[in-house]
PDB file of all heavy atoms in Angstrom:
ATOM      1  N   ALA A   1      -2.129  44.459 -39.471  1.00  0.00           N
ATOM      2  CA  ALA A   1      -2.898  45.198 -40.412  1.00  0.00           C
ATOM      3  C   ALA A   1      -4.370  45.111 -40.296  1.00  0.00           C
ATOM      4  O   ALA A   1      -5.121  46.101 -40.393  1.00  0.00           O
ATOM      5  CB  ALA A   1      -2.475  44.750 -41.946  1.00  0.00           C
ATOM      6  N   ASN A   2      -4.914  43.811 -40.071  1.00  0.00           N
ATOM      7  CA  ASN A   2      -6.302  43.717 -39.939  1.00  0.00           C
ATOM      8  C   ASN A   2      -6.870  44.493 -38.806  1.00  0.00           C
ATOM      9  O   ASN A   2      -7.922  45.185 -38.944  1.00  0.00           O
ATOM     10  CB  ASN A   2      -6.680  42.178 -39.803  1.00  0.00           C
ATOM     11  CG  ASN A   2      -6.700  41.489 -41.148  1.00  0.00           C
ATOM     12  OD1 ASN A   2      -6.607  42.111 -42.224  1.00  0.00           O
ATOM     13  ND2 ASN A   2      -6.839  40.192 -41.141  1.00  0.00           N
ATOM     14  N   ARG A   3      -6.241  44.420 -37.668  1.00  0.00           N
ATOM     15  CA  ARG A   3      -6.707  45.181 -36.483  1.00  0.00           C
ATOM     16  C   ARG A   3      -6.661  46.659 -36.609  1.00  0.00           C
ATOM     17  O   ARG A   3      -7.493  47.387 -36.237  1.00  0.00           O
ATOM     18  CB  ARG A   3      -5.952  44.755 -35.229  1.00  0.00           C
ATOM     19  CG  ARG A   3      -6.278  43.346 -34.712  1.00  0.00           C
ATOM     20  CD  ARG A   3      -6.009  43.147 -33.281  1.00  0.00           C
ATOM     21  NE  ARG A   3      -6.589  42.017 -32.811  1.00  0.00           N
ATOM     22  CZ  ARG A   3      -6.619  41.658 -31.529  1.00  0.00           C
ATOM     23  NH1 ARG A   3      -6.129  42.480 -30.622  1.00  0.00           N
ATOM     24  NH2 ARG A   3      -7.158  40.598 -31.108  1.00  0.00           N
ATOM     25  N   MET A   4      -5.676  47.197 -37.392  1.00  0.00           N
ATOM     26  CA  MET A   4      -5.500  48.579 -37.635  1.00  0.00           C
ATOM     27  C   MET A   4      -6.687  48.993 -38.565  1.00  0.00           C
ATOM     28  O   MET A   4      -7.253  50.096 -38.392  1.00  0.00           O
ATOM     29  CB  MET A   4      -4.160  48.925 -38.201  1.00  0.00           C
ATOM     30  CG  MET A   4      -3.047  48.762 -37.213  1.00  0.00           C
ATOM     31  SD  MET A   4      -3.240  49.833 -35.791  1.00  0.00           S
ATOM     32  CE  MET A   4      -3.179  51.463 -36.563  1.00  0.00           C
ATOM     33  N   VAL A   5      -6.967  48.238 -39.613  1.00  0.00           N
ATOM     34  CA  VAL A   5      -8.019  48.599 -40.512  1.00  0.00           C
ATOM     35  C   VAL A   5      -9.409  48.545 -39.773  1.00  0.00           C
ATOM     36  O   VAL A   5     -10.165  49.505 -39.911  1.00  0.00           O
ATOM     37  CB  VAL A   5      -8.043  47.621 -41.729  1.00  0.00           C
ATOM     38  CG1 VAL A   5      -9.259  47.850 -42.527  1.00  0.00           C
ATOM     39  CG2 VAL A   5      -6.868  47.753 -42.524  1.00  0.00           C
ATOM     40  N   GLU A   6      -9.645  47.514 -38.988  1.00  0.00           N
ATOM     41  CA  GLU A   6     -10.864  47.445 -38.276  1.00  0.00           C
ATOM     42  C   GLU A   6     -11.037  48.467 -37.282  1.00  0.00           C
ATOM     43  O   GLU A   6     -12.188  48.812 -36.920  1.00  0.00           O
ATOM     44  CB  GLU A   6     -11.086  45.975 -37.725  1.00  0.00           C
ATOM     45  CG  GLU A   6     -11.211  44.907 -38.823  1.00  0.00           C
ATOM     46  CD  GLU A   6     -11.100  43.574 -38.231  1.00  0.00           C
ATOM     47  OE1 GLU A   6     -10.973  43.387 -36.904  1.00  0.00           O
ATOM     48  OE2 GLU A   6     -11.162  42.555 -38.986  1.00  0.00           O
ATOM     49  N   SER A   7      -9.962  48.917 -36.648  1.00  0.00           N
ATOM     50  CA  SER A   7     -10.055  49.853 -35.537  1.00  0.00           C
ATOM     51  C   SER A   7     -10.517  51.176 -35.887  1.00  0.00           C
ATOM     52  O   SER A   7     -10.931  51.974 -35.085  1.00  0.00           O
ATOM     53  CB  SER A   7      -8.726  49.916 -34.840  1.00  0.00           C
ATOM     54  OG  SER A   7      -7.709  50.533 -35.672  1.00  0.00           O
ATOM     55  N   PHE A   8     -10.534  51.547 -37.163  1.00  0.00           N
ATOM     56  CA  PHE A   8     -10.948  52.838 -37.590  1.00  0.00           C
ATOM     57  C   PHE A   8     -12.374  52.895 -38.150  1.00  0.00           C
ATOM     58  O   PHE A   8     -12.717  53.729 -39.024  1.00  0.00           O
ATOM     59  CB  PHE A   8     -10.009  53.458 -38.640  1.00  0.00           C
ATOM     60  CG  PHE A   8      -8.671  53.902 -38.004  1.00  0.00           C
ATOM     61  CD1 PHE A   8      -7.613  53.108 -37.975  1.00  0.00           C
ATOM     62  CD2 PHE A   8      -8.626  55.217 -37.553  1.00  0.00           C
ATOM     63  CE1 PHE A   8      -6.461  53.511 -37.305  1.00  0.00           C
ATOM     64  CE2 PHE A   8      -7.495  55.649 -36.936  1.00  0.00           C
ATOM     65  CZ  PHE A   8      -6.367  54.821 -36.846  1.00  0.00           C
ATOM     66  N   ALA A   9     -13.159  51.914 -37.701  1.00  0.00           N
ATOM     67  CA  ALA A   9     -14.592  51.872 -38.181  1.00  0.00           C
ATOM     68  C   ALA A   9     -15.470  52.824 -37.431  1.00  0.00           C
ATOM     69  O   ALA A   9     -16.702  52.891 -37.725  1.00  0.00           O
ATOM     70  CB  ALA A   9     -15.123  50.442 -38.023  1.00  0.00           C
ATOM     71  N   HIS A  10     -15.014  53.577 -36.478  1.00  0.00           N
ATOM     72  CA  HIS A  10     -15.787  54.601 -35.762  1.00  0.00           C
ATOM     73  C   HIS A  10     -17.053  54.024 -35.065  1.00  0.00           C
ATOM     74  O   HIS A  10     -18.131  54.669 -35.269  1.00  0.00           O
ATOM     75  CB  HIS A  10     -16.050  55.775 -36.686  1.00  0.00           C
ATOM     76  CG  HIS A  10     -14.743  56.535 -37.006  1.00  0.00           C
ATOM     77  ND1 HIS A  10     -14.044  57.231 -36.201  1.00  0.00           N
ATOM     78  CD2 HIS A  10     -14.134  56.582 -38.241  1.00  0.00           C
ATOM     79  CE1 HIS A  10     -12.982  57.730 -36.860  1.00  0.00           C
ATOM     80  NE2 HIS A  10     -13.038  57.367 -38.109  1.00  0.00           N
ATOM     81  N   ARG A  11     -16.936  52.991 -34.348  1.00  0.00           N
ATOM     82  CA  ARG A  11     -18.108  52.453 -33.778  1.00  0.00           C
ATOM     83  C   ARG A  11     -18.495  53.172 -32.469  1.00  0.00           C
ATOM     84  O   ARG A  11     -19.542  53.138 -31.962  1.00  0.00           O
ATOM     85  CB  ARG A  11     -17.886  50.949 -33.377  1.00  0.00           C
ATOM     86  CG  ARG A  11     -17.932  49.990 -34.630  1.00  0.00           C
ATOM     87  CD  ARG A  11     -17.799  48.618 -34.274  1.00  0.00           C
ATOM     88  NE  ARG A  11     -16.578  48.288 -33.653  1.00  0.00           N
ATOM     89  CZ  ARG A  11     -15.474  47.913 -34.304  1.00  0.00           C
ATOM     90  NH1 ARG A  11     -15.512  47.830 -35.548  1.00  0.00           N
ATOM     91  NH2 ARG A  11     -14.402  47.688 -33.608  1.00  0.00           N
ATOM     92  N   ARG A  12     -17.501  53.942 -31.887  1.00  0.00           N
ATOM     93  CA  ARG A  12     -17.734  54.758 -30.668  1.00  0.00           C
ATOM     94  C   ARG A  12     -17.296  56.176 -31.035  1.00  0.00           C
ATOM     95  O   ARG A  12     -16.357  56.411 -31.764  1.00  0.00           O
ATOM     96  CB  ARG A  12     -16.906  54.204 -29.497  1.00  0.00           C
ATOM     97  CG  ARG A  12     -17.605  53.029 -28.848  1.00  0.00           C
ATOM     98  CD  ARG A  12     -16.826  52.523 -27.641  1.00  0.00           C
ATOM     99  NE  ARG A  12     -17.571  51.518 -26.955  1.00  0.00           N
ATOM    100  CZ  ARG A  12     -17.015  50.697 -26.032  1.00  0.00           C
ATOM    101  NH1 ARG A  12     -15.733  50.719 -25.759  1.00  0.00           N
ATOM    102  NH2 ARG A  12     -17.727  49.859 -25.403  1.00  0.00           N
ATOM    103  N   PRO A  13     -17.993  57.181 -30.462  1.00  0.00           N
ATOM    104  CA  PRO A  13     -17.642  58.559 -30.757  1.00  0.00           C
ATOM    105  C   PRO A  13     -16.294  58.975 -30.366  1.00  0.00           C
ATOM    106  O   PRO A  13     -15.724  58.459 -29.392  1.00  0.00           O
ATOM    107  CB  PRO A  13     -18.838  59.289 -30.096  1.00  0.00           C
ATOM    108  CG  PRO A  13     -19.200  58.413 -28.977  1.00  0.00           C
ATOM    109  CD  PRO A  13     -19.102  57.028 -29.492  1.00  0.00           C
ATOM    110  N   ILE A  14     -15.851  60.045 -31.029  1.00  0.00           N
ATOM    111  CA  ILE A  14     -14.504  60.556 -30.750  1.00  0.00           C
ATOM    112  C   ILE A  14     -14.392  61.139 -29.368  1.00  0.00           C
ATOM    113  O   ILE A  14     -13.264  61.001 -28.757  1.00  0.00           O
ATOM    114  CB  ILE A  14     -14.057  61.588 -31.813  1.00  0.00           C
ATOM    115  CG1 ILE A  14     -12.581  61.958 -31.671  1.00  0.00           C
ATOM    116  CG2 ILE A  14     -14.999  62.794 -31.622  1.00  0.00           C
ATOM    117  CD1 ILE A  14     -12.169  62.927 -32.795  1.00  0.00           C
ATOM    118  N   TRP A  15     -15.421  61.558 -28.772  1.00  0.00           N
ATOM    119  CA  TRP A  15     -15.314  62.178 -27.382  1.00  0.00           C
ATOM    120  C   TRP A  15     -15.540  61.123 -26.279  1.00  0.00           C
ATOM    121  O   TRP A  15     -15.628  61.514 -25.122  1.00  0.00           O
ATOM    122  CB  TRP A  15     -16.434  63.237 -27.325  1.00  0.00           C
ATOM    123  CG  TRP A  15     -17.742  62.816 -27.815  1.00  0.00           C
ATOM    124  CD1 TRP A  15     -18.329  63.093 -29.012  1.00  0.00           C
ATOM    125  CD2 TRP A  15     -18.790  62.048 -27.143  1.00  0.00           C
ATOM    126  NE1 TRP A  15     -19.600  62.531 -29.198  1.00  0.00           N
ATOM    127  CE2 TRP A  15     -19.866  61.799 -27.986  1.00  0.00           C
ATOM    128  CE3 TRP A  15     -18.871  61.423 -25.851  1.00  0.00           C
ATOM    129  CZ2 TRP A  15     -20.991  61.205 -27.587  1.00  0.00           C
ATOM    130  CZ3 TRP A  15     -19.946  60.733 -25.467  1.00  0.00           C
ATOM    131  CH2 TRP A  15     -20.993  60.585 -26.268  1.00  0.00           C
ATOM    132  N   TRP A  16     -15.623  59.846 -26.656  1.00  0.00           N
ATOM    133  CA  TRP A  16     -15.968  58.809 -25.664  1.00  0.00           C
ATOM    134  C   TRP A  16     -15.194  58.810 -24.392  1.00  0.00           C
ATOM    135  O   TRP A  16     -15.703  58.631 -23.257  1.00  0.00           O
ATOM    136  CB  TRP A  16     -15.921  57.485 -26.315  1.00  0.00           C
ATOM    137  CG  TRP A  16     -16.570  56.338 -25.625  1.00  0.00           C
ATOM    138  CD1 TRP A  16     -17.880  56.050 -25.418  1.00  0.00           C
ATOM    139  CD2 TRP A  16     -15.853  55.343 -24.692  1.00  0.00           C
ATOM    140  NE1 TRP A  16     -18.043  54.901 -24.715  1.00  0.00           N
ATOM    141  CE2 TRP A  16     -16.774  54.484 -24.225  1.00  0.00           C
ATOM    142  CE3 TRP A  16     -14.545  55.088 -24.463  1.00  0.00           C
ATOM    143  CZ2 TRP A  16     -16.451  53.451 -23.392  1.00  0.00           C
ATOM    144  CZ3 TRP A  16     -14.171  54.076 -23.676  1.00  0.00           C
ATOM    145  CH2 TRP A  16     -15.110  53.214 -23.096  1.00  0.00           C
ATOM    146  N   TYR A  17     -13.939  59.075 -24.546  1.00  0.00           N
ATOM    147  CA  TYR A  17     -12.967  59.057 -23.319  1.00  0.00           C
ATOM    148  C   TYR A  17     -13.221  60.243 -22.363  1.00  0.00           C
ATOM    149  O   TYR A  17     -13.015  60.193 -21.173  1.00  0.00           O
ATOM    150  CB  TYR A  17     -11.575  59.009 -23.685  1.00  0.00           C
ATOM    151  CG  TYR A  17     -11.066  57.690 -24.163  1.00  0.00           C
ATOM    152  CD1 TYR A  17     -10.636  57.468 -25.471  1.00  0.00           C
ATOM    153  CD2 TYR A  17     -11.049  56.632 -23.344  1.00  0.00           C
ATOM    154  CE1 TYR A  17     -10.208  56.188 -25.940  1.00  0.00           C
ATOM    155  CE2 TYR A  17     -10.610  55.335 -23.686  1.00  0.00           C
ATOM    156  CZ  TYR A  17     -10.150  55.225 -25.005  1.00  0.00           C
ATOM    157  OH  TYR A  17      -9.729  54.011 -25.415  1.00  0.00           O
ATOM    158  N   LEU A  18     -13.657  61.370 -22.917  1.00  0.00           N
ATOM    159  CA  LEU A  18     -13.683  62.639 -22.085  1.00  0.00           C
ATOM    160  C   LEU A  18     -14.565  62.499 -20.826  1.00  0.00           C
ATOM    161  O   LEU A  18     -14.130  62.876 -19.778  1.00  0.00           O
ATOM    162  CB  LEU A  18     -14.092  63.831 -23.046  1.00  0.00           C
ATOM    163  CG  LEU A  18     -13.103  64.176 -24.125  1.00  0.00           C
ATOM    164  CD1 LEU A  18     -13.668  65.276 -24.906  1.00  0.00           C
ATOM    165  CD2 LEU A  18     -11.651  64.487 -23.484  1.00  0.00           C
ATOM    166  N   PRO A  19     -15.787  62.067 -20.959  1.00  0.00           N
ATOM    167  CA  PRO A  19     -16.644  61.961 -19.810  1.00  0.00           C
ATOM    168  C   PRO A  19     -16.163  60.902 -18.779  1.00  0.00           C
ATOM    169  O   PRO A  19     -16.525  60.844 -17.587  1.00  0.00           O
ATOM    170  CB  PRO A  19     -18.036  61.600 -20.291  1.00  0.00           C
ATOM    171  CG  PRO A  19     -17.806  61.016 -21.660  1.00  0.00           C
ATOM    172  CD  PRO A  19     -16.585  61.673 -22.179  1.00  0.00           C
ATOM    173  N   LEU A  20     -15.274  60.054 -19.203  1.00  0.00           N
ATOM    174  CA  LEU A  20     -14.737  58.995 -18.339  1.00  0.00           C
ATOM    175  C   LEU A  20     -13.511  59.443 -17.572  1.00  0.00           C
ATOM    176  O   LEU A  20     -13.087  58.875 -16.509  1.00  0.00           O
ATOM    177  CB  LEU A  20     -14.396  57.680 -19.136  1.00  0.00           C
ATOM    178  CG  LEU A  20     -15.500  56.965 -19.764  1.00  0.00           C
ATOM    179  CD1 LEU A  20     -14.991  55.764 -20.539  1.00  0.00           C
ATOM    180  CD2 LEU A  20     -16.524  56.526 -18.738  1.00  0.00           C
ATOM    181  N   LEU A  21     -12.850  60.482 -17.986  1.00  0.00           N
ATOM    182  CA  LEU A  21     -11.646  61.015 -17.342  1.00  0.00           C
ATOM    183  C   LEU A  21     -11.796  61.302 -15.876  1.00  0.00           C
ATOM    184  O   LEU A  21     -10.939  60.915 -15.078  1.00  0.00           O
ATOM    185  CB  LEU A  21     -11.084  62.098 -18.097  1.00  0.00           C
ATOM    186  CG  LEU A  21     -10.438  61.830 -19.451  1.00  0.00           C
ATOM    187  CD1 LEU A  21      -9.938  63.113 -20.134  1.00  0.00           C
ATOM    188  CD2 LEU A  21      -9.241  60.910 -19.287  1.00  0.00           C
ATOM    189  N   PRO A  22     -12.882  61.994 -15.462  1.00  0.00           N
ATOM    190  CA  PRO A  22     -13.055  62.226 -13.968  1.00  0.00           C
ATOM    191  C   PRO A  22     -13.022  60.954 -13.194  1.00  0.00           C
ATOM    192  O   PRO A  22     -12.462  60.926 -12.107  1.00  0.00           O
ATOM    193  CB  PRO A  22     -14.307  62.924 -13.922  1.00  0.00           C
ATOM    194  CG  PRO A  22     -14.545  63.563 -15.240  1.00  0.00           C
ATOM    195  CD  PRO A  22     -13.944  62.648 -16.236  1.00  0.00           C
ATOM    196  N   LEU A  23     -13.650  59.893 -13.699  1.00  0.00           N
ATOM    197  CA  LEU A  23     -13.635  58.599 -12.936  1.00  0.00           C
ATOM    198  C   LEU A  23     -12.321  57.908 -13.040  1.00  0.00           C
ATOM    199  O   LEU A  23     -11.778  57.440 -12.005  1.00  0.00           O
ATOM    200  CB  LEU A  23     -14.753  57.684 -13.532  1.00  0.00           C
ATOM    201  CG  LEU A  23     -14.762  56.300 -12.913  1.00  0.00           C
ATOM    202  CD1 LEU A  23     -15.199  56.415 -11.517  1.00  0.00           C
ATOM    203  CD2 LEU A  23     -15.867  55.452 -13.587  1.00  0.00           C
ATOM    204  N   MET A  24     -11.723  57.945 -14.155  1.00  0.00           N
ATOM    205  CA  MET A  24     -10.406  57.280 -14.321  1.00  0.00           C
ATOM    206  C   MET A  24      -9.351  57.926 -13.476  1.00  0.00           C
ATOM    207  O   MET A  24      -8.449  57.198 -12.918  1.00  0.00           O
ATOM    208  CB  MET A  24     -10.009  57.242 -15.738  1.00  0.00           C
ATOM    209  CG  MET A  24     -10.855  56.299 -16.655  1.00  0.00           C
ATOM    210  SD  MET A  24     -10.184  56.067 -18.339  1.00  0.00           S
ATOM    211  CE  MET A  24     -10.454  57.655 -19.113  1.00  0.00           C
ATOM    212  N   LEU A  25      -9.396  59.214 -13.335  1.00  0.00           N
ATOM    213  CA  LEU A  25      -8.343  59.999 -12.639  1.00  0.00           C
ATOM    214  C   LEU A  25      -8.880  60.459 -11.205  1.00  0.00           C
ATOM    215  O   LEU A  25      -8.218  61.320 -10.604  1.00  0.00           O
ATOM    216  CB  LEU A  25      -8.025  61.198 -13.426  1.00  0.00           C
ATOM    217  CG  LEU A  25      -7.284  60.873 -14.744  1.00  0.00           C
ATOM    218  CD1 LEU A  25      -7.058  62.241 -15.540  1.00  0.00           C
ATOM    219  CD2 LEU A  25      -5.945  60.194 -14.587  1.00  0.00           C
ATOM    220  N   PHE A  26      -9.870  59.855 -10.757  1.00  0.00           N
ATOM    221  CA  PHE A  26     -10.383  60.112  -9.317  1.00  0.00           C
ATOM    222  C   PHE A  26      -9.225  59.596  -8.351  1.00  0.00           C
ATOM    223  O   PHE A  26      -8.737  58.561  -8.611  1.00  0.00           O
ATOM    224  CB  PHE A  26     -11.647  59.420  -9.108  1.00  0.00           C
ATOM    225  CG  PHE A  26     -12.231  59.797  -7.680  1.00  0.00           C
ATOM    226  CD1 PHE A  26     -12.978  60.936  -7.474  1.00  0.00           C
ATOM    227  CD2 PHE A  26     -11.886  58.953  -6.639  1.00  0.00           C
ATOM    228  CE1 PHE A  26     -13.471  61.255  -6.223  1.00  0.00           C
ATOM    229  CE2 PHE A  26     -12.391  59.230  -5.341  1.00  0.00           C
ATOM    230  CZ  PHE A  26     -13.144  60.405  -5.189  1.00  0.00           C
ATOM    231  N   PRO A  27      -8.961  60.400  -7.300  1.00  0.00           N
ATOM    232  CA  PRO A  27      -9.617  61.670  -6.847  1.00  0.00           C
ATOM    233  C   PRO A  27      -8.907  62.860  -7.411  1.00  0.00           C
ATOM    234  O   PRO A  27      -9.303  63.967  -7.123  1.00  0.00           O
ATOM    235  CB  PRO A  27      -9.359  61.593  -5.344  1.00  0.00           C
ATOM    236  CG  PRO A  27      -7.970  60.886  -5.192  1.00  0.00           C
ATOM    237  CD  PRO A  27      -8.001  59.807  -6.266  1.00  0.00           C
ATOM    238  N   TRP A  28      -7.810  62.716  -8.207  1.00  0.00           N
ATOM    239  CA  TRP A  28      -7.011  63.837  -8.657  1.00  0.00           C
ATOM    240  C   TRP A  28      -7.785  64.838  -9.468  1.00  0.00           C
ATOM    241  O   TRP A  28      -7.651  66.066  -9.412  1.00  0.00           O
ATOM    242  CB  TRP A  28      -5.812  63.417  -9.364  1.00  0.00           C
ATOM    243  CG  TRP A  28      -5.062  62.277  -8.628  1.00  0.00           C
ATOM    244  CD1 TRP A  28      -4.807  61.082  -9.088  1.00  0.00           C
ATOM    245  CD2 TRP A  28      -4.539  62.380  -7.316  1.00  0.00           C
ATOM    246  NE1 TRP A  28      -4.101  60.307  -8.208  1.00  0.00           N
ATOM    247  CE2 TRP A  28      -3.935  61.037  -7.067  1.00  0.00           C
ATOM    248  CE3 TRP A  28      -4.436  63.293  -6.324  1.00  0.00           C
ATOM    249  CZ2 TRP A  28      -3.318  60.775  -5.897  1.00  0.00           C
ATOM    250  CZ3 TRP A  28      -3.762  62.963  -5.157  1.00  0.00           C
ATOM    251  CH2 TRP A  28      -3.262  61.768  -4.918  1.00  0.00           C
ATOM    252  N   PHE A  29      -8.762  64.308 -10.317  1.00  0.00           N
ATOM    253  CA  PHE A  29      -9.513  65.133 -11.210  1.00  0.00           C
ATOM    254  C   PHE A  29     -10.303  66.210 -10.403  1.00  0.00           C
ATOM    255  O   PHE A  29     -10.580  67.250 -10.928  1.00  0.00           O
ATOM    256  CB  PHE A  29     -10.364  64.300 -12.088  1.00  0.00           C
ATOM    257  CG  PHE A  29     -10.878  65.005 -13.317  1.00  0.00           C
ATOM    258  CD1 PHE A  29     -10.149  64.913 -14.517  1.00  0.00           C
ATOM    259  CD2 PHE A  29     -12.081  65.789 -13.316  1.00  0.00           C
ATOM    260  CE1 PHE A  29     -10.640  65.590 -15.620  1.00  0.00           C
ATOM    261  CE2 PHE A  29     -12.461  66.448 -14.413  1.00  0.00           C
ATOM    262  CZ  PHE A  29     -11.763  66.337 -15.624  1.00  0.00           C
ATOM    263  N   LEU A  30     -10.755  65.735  -9.222  1.00  0.00           N
ATOM    264  CA  LEU A  30     -11.618  66.706  -8.449  1.00  0.00           C
ATOM    265  C   LEU A  30     -10.814  67.563  -7.465  1.00  0.00           C
ATOM    266  O   LEU A  30     -11.457  68.355  -6.696  1.00  0.00           O
ATOM    267  CB  LEU A  30     -12.675  65.925  -7.690  1.00  0.00           C
ATOM    268  CG  LEU A  30     -13.664  65.152  -8.507  1.00  0.00           C
ATOM    269  CD1 LEU A  30     -14.737  64.421  -7.558  1.00  0.00           C
ATOM    270  CD2 LEU A  30     -14.361  65.982  -9.500  1.00  0.00           C
ATOM    271  N   TRP A  31      -9.582  67.503  -7.507  1.00  0.00           N
ATOM    272  CA  TRP A  31      -8.651  68.330  -6.620  1.00  0.00           C
ATOM    273  C   TRP A  31      -8.479  69.688  -7.302  1.00  0.00           C
ATOM    274  O   TRP A  31      -7.668  69.823  -8.215  1.00  0.00           O
ATOM    275  CB  TRP A  31      -7.337  67.615  -6.442  1.00  0.00           C
ATOM    276  CG  TRP A  31      -6.428  68.310  -5.499  1.00  0.00           C
ATOM    277  CD1 TRP A  31      -6.651  69.369  -4.726  1.00  0.00           C
ATOM    278  CD2 TRP A  31      -5.041  67.965  -5.362  1.00  0.00           C
ATOM    279  NE1 TRP A  31      -5.550  69.765  -4.023  1.00  0.00           N
ATOM    280  CE2 TRP A  31      -4.528  68.910  -4.276  1.00  0.00           C
ATOM    281  CE3 TRP A  31      -4.136  66.973  -5.880  1.00  0.00           C
ATOM    282  CZ2 TRP A  31      -3.166  68.879  -4.038  1.00  0.00           C
ATOM    283  CZ3 TRP A  31      -2.833  66.950  -5.458  1.00  0.00           C
ATOM    284  CH2 TRP A  31      -2.328  67.920  -4.616  1.00  0.00           C
ATOM    285  N   THR A  32      -9.273  70.653  -6.759  1.00  0.00           N
ATOM    286  CA  THR A  32      -9.250  72.024  -7.395  1.00  0.00           C
ATOM    287  C   THR A  32      -7.872  72.601  -7.311  1.00  0.00           C
ATOM    288  O   THR A  32      -7.450  73.353  -8.201  1.00  0.00           O
ATOM    289  CB  THR A  32     -10.243  72.904  -6.726  1.00  0.00           C
ATOM    290  OG1 THR A  32     -10.018  72.861  -5.351  1.00  0.00           O
ATOM    291  CG2 THR A  32     -11.715  72.368  -6.945  1.00  0.00           C
ATOM    292  N   GLY A  33      -7.102  72.383  -6.180  1.00  0.00           N
ATOM    293  CA  GLY A  33      -5.797  72.952  -6.086  1.00  0.00           C
ATOM    294  C   GLY A  33      -4.876  72.461  -7.100  1.00  0.00           C
ATOM    295  O   GLY A  33      -3.875  73.198  -7.558  1.00  0.00           O
ATOM    296  N   LEU A  34      -5.048  71.138  -7.542  1.00  0.00           N
ATOM    297  CA  LEU A  34      -4.190  70.603  -8.619  1.00  0.00           C
ATOM    298  C   LEU A  34      -4.298  71.414  -9.902  1.00  0.00           C
ATOM    299  O   LEU A  34      -3.302  71.723 -10.584  1.00  0.00           O
ATOM    300  CB  LEU A  34      -4.519  69.181  -8.774  1.00  0.00           C
ATOM    301  CG  LEU A  34      -3.720  68.443  -9.902  1.00  0.00           C
ATOM    302  CD1 LEU A  34      -2.272  68.366  -9.564  1.00  0.00           C
ATOM    303  CD2 LEU A  34      -4.285  67.008 -10.118  1.00  0.00           C
ATOM    304  N   TRP A  35      -5.566  71.670 -10.288  1.00  0.00           N
ATOM    305  CA  TRP A  35      -5.784  72.446 -11.531  1.00  0.00           C
ATOM    306  C   TRP A  35      -5.280  73.866 -11.455  1.00  0.00           C
ATOM    307  O   TRP A  35      -4.847  74.446 -12.439  1.00  0.00           O
ATOM    308  CB  TRP A  35      -7.222  72.309 -11.933  1.00  0.00           C
ATOM    309  CG  TRP A  35      -7.620  70.975 -12.172  1.00  0.00           C
ATOM    310  CD1 TRP A  35      -8.513  70.169 -11.443  1.00  0.00           C
ATOM    311  CD2 TRP A  35      -7.133  69.998 -13.255  1.00  0.00           C
ATOM    312  NE1 TRP A  35      -8.593  68.903 -11.991  1.00  0.00           N
ATOM    313  CE2 TRP A  35      -7.748  68.825 -13.011  1.00  0.00           C
ATOM    314  CE3 TRP A  35      -6.166  70.218 -14.240  1.00  0.00           C
ATOM    315  CZ2 TRP A  35      -7.460  67.726 -13.889  1.00  0.00           C
ATOM    316  CZ3 TRP A  35      -5.967  69.143 -15.080  1.00  0.00           C
ATOM    317  CH2 TRP A  35      -6.601  67.939 -14.932  1.00  0.00           C
ATOM    318  N   ARG A  36      -5.481  74.484 -10.237  1.00  0.00           N
ATOM    319  CA  ARG A  36      -4.956  75.833 -10.102  1.00  0.00           C
ATOM    320  C   ARG A  36      -3.398  75.911 -10.198  1.00  0.00           C
ATOM    321  O   ARG A  36      -2.881  76.896 -10.604  1.00  0.00           O
ATOM    322  CB  ARG A  36      -5.397  76.412  -8.740  1.00  0.00           C
ATOM    323  CG  ARG A  36      -6.851  76.817  -8.711  1.00  0.00           C
ATOM    324  CD  ARG A  36      -7.144  77.643  -7.449  1.00  0.00           C
ATOM    325  NE  ARG A  36      -6.926  76.974  -6.273  1.00  0.00           N
ATOM    326  CZ  ARG A  36      -7.917  76.295  -5.613  1.00  0.00           C
ATOM    327  NH1 ARG A  36      -9.088  76.323  -6.094  1.00  0.00           N
ATOM    328  NH2 ARG A  36      -7.638  75.737  -4.492  1.00  0.00           N
ATOM    329  N   ALA A  37      -2.792  74.789  -9.884  1.00  0.00           N
ATOM    330  CA  ALA A  37      -1.307  74.753 -10.013  1.00  0.00           C
ATOM    331  C   ALA A  37      -0.913  74.327 -11.406  1.00  0.00           C
ATOM    332  O   ALA A  37       0.105  74.856 -12.006  1.00  0.00           O
ATOM    333  CB  ALA A  37      -0.688  73.733  -9.092  1.00  0.00           C
ATOM    334  N   THR A  38      -1.676  73.465 -12.036  1.00  0.00           N
ATOM    335  CA  THR A  38      -1.318  72.842 -13.415  1.00  0.00           C
ATOM    336  C   THR A  38      -1.518  73.767 -14.580  1.00  0.00           C
ATOM    337  O   THR A  38      -0.646  73.944 -15.445  1.00  0.00           O
ATOM    338  CB  THR A  38      -2.023  71.588 -13.645  1.00  0.00           C
ATOM    339  OG1 THR A  38      -1.762  70.621 -12.547  1.00  0.00           O
ATOM    340  CG2 THR A  38      -1.643  70.941 -14.964  1.00  0.00           C
ATOM    341  N   LEU A  39      -2.676  74.503 -14.565  1.00  0.00           N
ATOM    342  CA  LEU A  39      -2.936  75.416 -15.666  1.00  0.00           C
ATOM    343  C   LEU A  39      -1.932  76.499 -15.912  1.00  0.00           C
ATOM    344  O   LEU A  39      -1.513  76.731 -17.009  1.00  0.00           O
ATOM    345  CB  LEU A  39      -4.329  75.922 -15.548  1.00  0.00           C
ATOM    346  CG  LEU A  39      -5.513  74.855 -15.671  1.00  0.00           C
ATOM    347  CD1 LEU A  39      -6.805  75.490 -15.462  1.00  0.00           C
ATOM    348  CD2 LEU A  39      -5.434  74.184 -17.020  1.00  0.00           C
ATOM    349  N   PRO A  40      -1.466  77.227 -14.853  1.00  0.00           N
ATOM    350  CA  PRO A  40      -0.439  78.222 -15.057  1.00  0.00           C
ATOM    351  C   PRO A  40       0.898  77.604 -15.527  1.00  0.00           C
ATOM    352  O   PRO A  40       1.624  78.234 -16.353  1.00  0.00           O
ATOM    353  CB  PRO A  40      -0.336  78.927 -13.720  1.00  0.00           C
ATOM    354  CG  PRO A  40      -1.576  78.618 -13.038  1.00  0.00           C
ATOM    355  CD  PRO A  40      -2.005  77.273 -13.495  1.00  0.00           C
TER     356      PRO A  40
END
């Protein structure tokens, strides 16, 4: 309970993960052919 309560204090912005995704998913994130296949 304590950790759940404390975890919603919004100390980091909601979008924090988004700019890290290219690094976390490298090299796949930069593979243009992958997105051309995935989006359709």
